[in-house]
């Protein structure tokens, strides 16, 4: 198994999971949460396992609720992946929260605050 094939499969799974979340998953617990984005998919070398990283626009409570709902819908999402992508084995899906966007926003705020403080001290 080449890394290139695993990367292509991961990208295809990312595209399909995003599509399923946007069009096919009709869970009322997700509809009130706002935007859920699939940010990355990591696939094992043998293509039997896939970690799906999602980002939720909102607070910690919305993210927790979205992750719980996605874990409950894993069977449906996996069956849709199996129907849409031709693989010998449909990968087991594990949803994880991607905190990199929130972390980047936090660092950006810190840098802006530092820059603002530096500017204010220079003006005195």
Protein backbone atom coordinates (compact mmCIF):
# COMPACT_ATOMS: atom_id res chain seq x y z
CA UNK A 1 0.00 0.00 0.00
CA UNK A 2 1.50 3.28 -1.01
CA UNK A 3 1.11 6.48 0.96
CA UNK A 4 -0.21 8.14 -2.17
CA UNK A 5 -3.15 5.72 -2.34
CA UNK A 6 -3.90 6.19 1.36
CA UNK A 7 -3.85 9.96 0.83
CA UNK A 8 -6.24 9.70 -2.14
CA UNK A 9 -8.62 7.48 -0.16
CA UNK A 10 -8.47 9.90 2.80
CA UNK A 11 -9.35 12.82 0.54
CA UNK A 12 -12.24 10.89 -1.00
CA UNK A 13 -13.56 9.95 2.45
CA UNK A 14 -13.25 13.60 3.54
CA UNK A 15 -15.26 14.75 0.52
CA UNK A 16 -17.95 12.09 0.99
CA UNK A 17 -18.33 12.59 4.77
CA UNK A 18 -18.70 16.33 4.19
CA UNK A 19 -21.37 15.63 1.59
CA UNK A 20 -23.18 13.19 3.89
CA UNK A 21 -23.18 15.68 6.77
CA UNK A 22 -24.44 18.46 4.51
CA UNK A 23 -27.13 16.56 2.58
CA UNK A 24 -28.01 13.16 4.02
CA UNK A 25 -27.69 13.24 7.81
CA UNK A 26 -31.05 14.50 9.05
CA UNK A 27 -30.39 14.48 12.79
CA UNK A 28 -32.21 17.34 14.56
CA UNK A 29 -29.44 17.50 17.17
CA UNK A 30 -27.01 18.63 14.45
CA UNK A 31 -29.26 21.15 12.76
CA UNK A 32 -29.21 23.55 15.71
CA UNK A 33 -25.44 23.50 16.09
CA UNK A 34 -24.37 25.57 13.13
CA UNK A 35 -21.50 24.78 10.84
CA UNK A 36 -19.70 21.44 11.12
CA UNK A 37 -16.65 21.08 8.87
CA UNK A 38 -14.55 18.02 8.12
CA UNK A 39 -11.01 19.36 8.35
CA UNK A 40 -8.92 16.22 7.86
CA UNK A 41 -9.09 12.45 7.51
CA UNK A 42 -6.25 10.12 8.48
CA UNK A 43 -6.41 6.60 7.09
CA UNK A 44 -4.40 3.62 8.33
CA UNK A 45 -2.00 1.92 5.93
CA UNK A 46 -4.35 -1.02 5.38
CA UNK A 47 -7.34 1.35 4.85
CA UNK A 48 -9.35 -0.36 7.59
CA UNK A 49 -9.48 2.60 9.99
CA UNK A 50 -10.09 6.30 9.41
CA UNK A 51 -9.94 9.16 11.89
CA UNK A 52 -12.23 11.99 10.82
CA UNK A 53 -11.39 15.36 12.32
CA UNK A 54 -14.25 17.85 12.52
CA UNK A 55 -14.49 21.47 13.53
CA UNK A 56 -17.66 23.00 14.95
CA UNK A 57 -18.45 26.68 14.79
CA UNK A 58 -19.59 27.50 18.30
CA UNK A 59 -18.58 26.86 21.87
CA UNK A 60 -17.34 23.83 23.76
CA UNK A 61 -20.87 22.61 24.51
CA UNK A 62 -21.84 22.64 20.82
CA UNK A 63 -18.64 20.79 19.92
CA UNK A 64 -19.30 18.13 22.56
CA UNK A 65 -22.89 17.66 21.39
CA UNK A 66 -21.80 17.45 17.74
CA UNK A 67 -19.17 14.83 18.52
CA UNK A 68 -21.66 12.75 20.50
CA UNK A 69 -24.20 12.92 17.67
CA UNK A 70 -21.60 12.02 15.04
CA UNK A 71 -20.47 9.02 17.06
CA UNK A 72 -24.07 7.81 17.21
CA UNK A 73 -24.43 8.29 13.44
CA UNK A 74 -21.16 6.48 12.63
CA UNK A 75 -22.95 3.35 11.37
CA UNK A 76 -25.07 5.30 8.92
CA UNK A 77 -22.11 7.38 7.72
CA UNK A 78 -19.96 4.28 7.31
CA UNK A 79 -22.64 2.49 5.30
CA UNK A 80 -22.97 5.54 3.02
CA UNK A 81 -19.18 5.61 2.56
CA UNK A 82 -19.29 1.91 1.64
CA UNK A 83 -21.99 2.57 -0.91
CA UNK A 84 -20.23 5.57 -2.47
CA UNK A 85 -16.57 4.48 -2.48
CA UNK A 86 -15.53 1.13 -3.90
CA UNK A 87 -13.07 -0.40 -1.44
CA UNK A 88 -12.50 -3.98 -0.38
CA UNK A 89 -13.23 -3.02 3.25
CA UNK A 90 -15.11 0.06 4.36
CA UNK A 91 -12.97 1.72 7.03
CA UNK A 92 -14.07 1.92 10.65
CA UNK A 93 -14.69 5.62 11.37
CA UNK A 94 -13.61 7.46 14.49
CA UNK A 95 -14.65 11.09 14.86
CA UNK A 96 -12.31 13.49 16.66
CA UNK A 97 -12.58 17.19 17.38
CA UNK A 98 -10.07 19.34 15.50
CA UNK A 99 -8.98 22.10 17.82
CA UNK A 100 -6.35 23.58 15.50
CA UNK A 101 -8.68 26.33 14.22
CA UNK A 102 -9.62 27.41 17.75
CA UNK A 103 -5.96 27.25 18.78
CA UNK A 104 -4.97 29.41 15.79
CA UNK A 105 -7.66 31.96 16.68
CA UNK A 106 -6.40 32.01 20.28
CA UNK A 107 -2.80 32.64 19.15
CA UNK A 108 -4.04 35.37 16.79
CA UNK A 109 -5.87 37.08 19.67
CA UNK A 110 -2.75 36.89 21.86
CA UNK A 111 -0.60 38.41 19.12
CA UNK A 112 -3.14 41.19 18.53
CA UNK A 113 -3.27 41.94 22.26
CA UNK A 114 0.52 41.99 22.44
CA UNK A 115 0.72 44.28 19.42
CA UNK A 116 -1.94 46.59 20.88
CA UNK A 117 -0.13 46.76 24.26
CA UNK A 118 3.18 47.47 22.51
CA UNK A 119 1.54 50.23 20.47
CA UNK A 120 -0.06 51.81 23.55
CA UNK A 121 3.21 51.81 25.50
CA UNK A 122 5.08 53.40 22.59
CA UNK A 123 2.56 56.27 22.47
CA UNK A 124 3.00 57.29 26.12
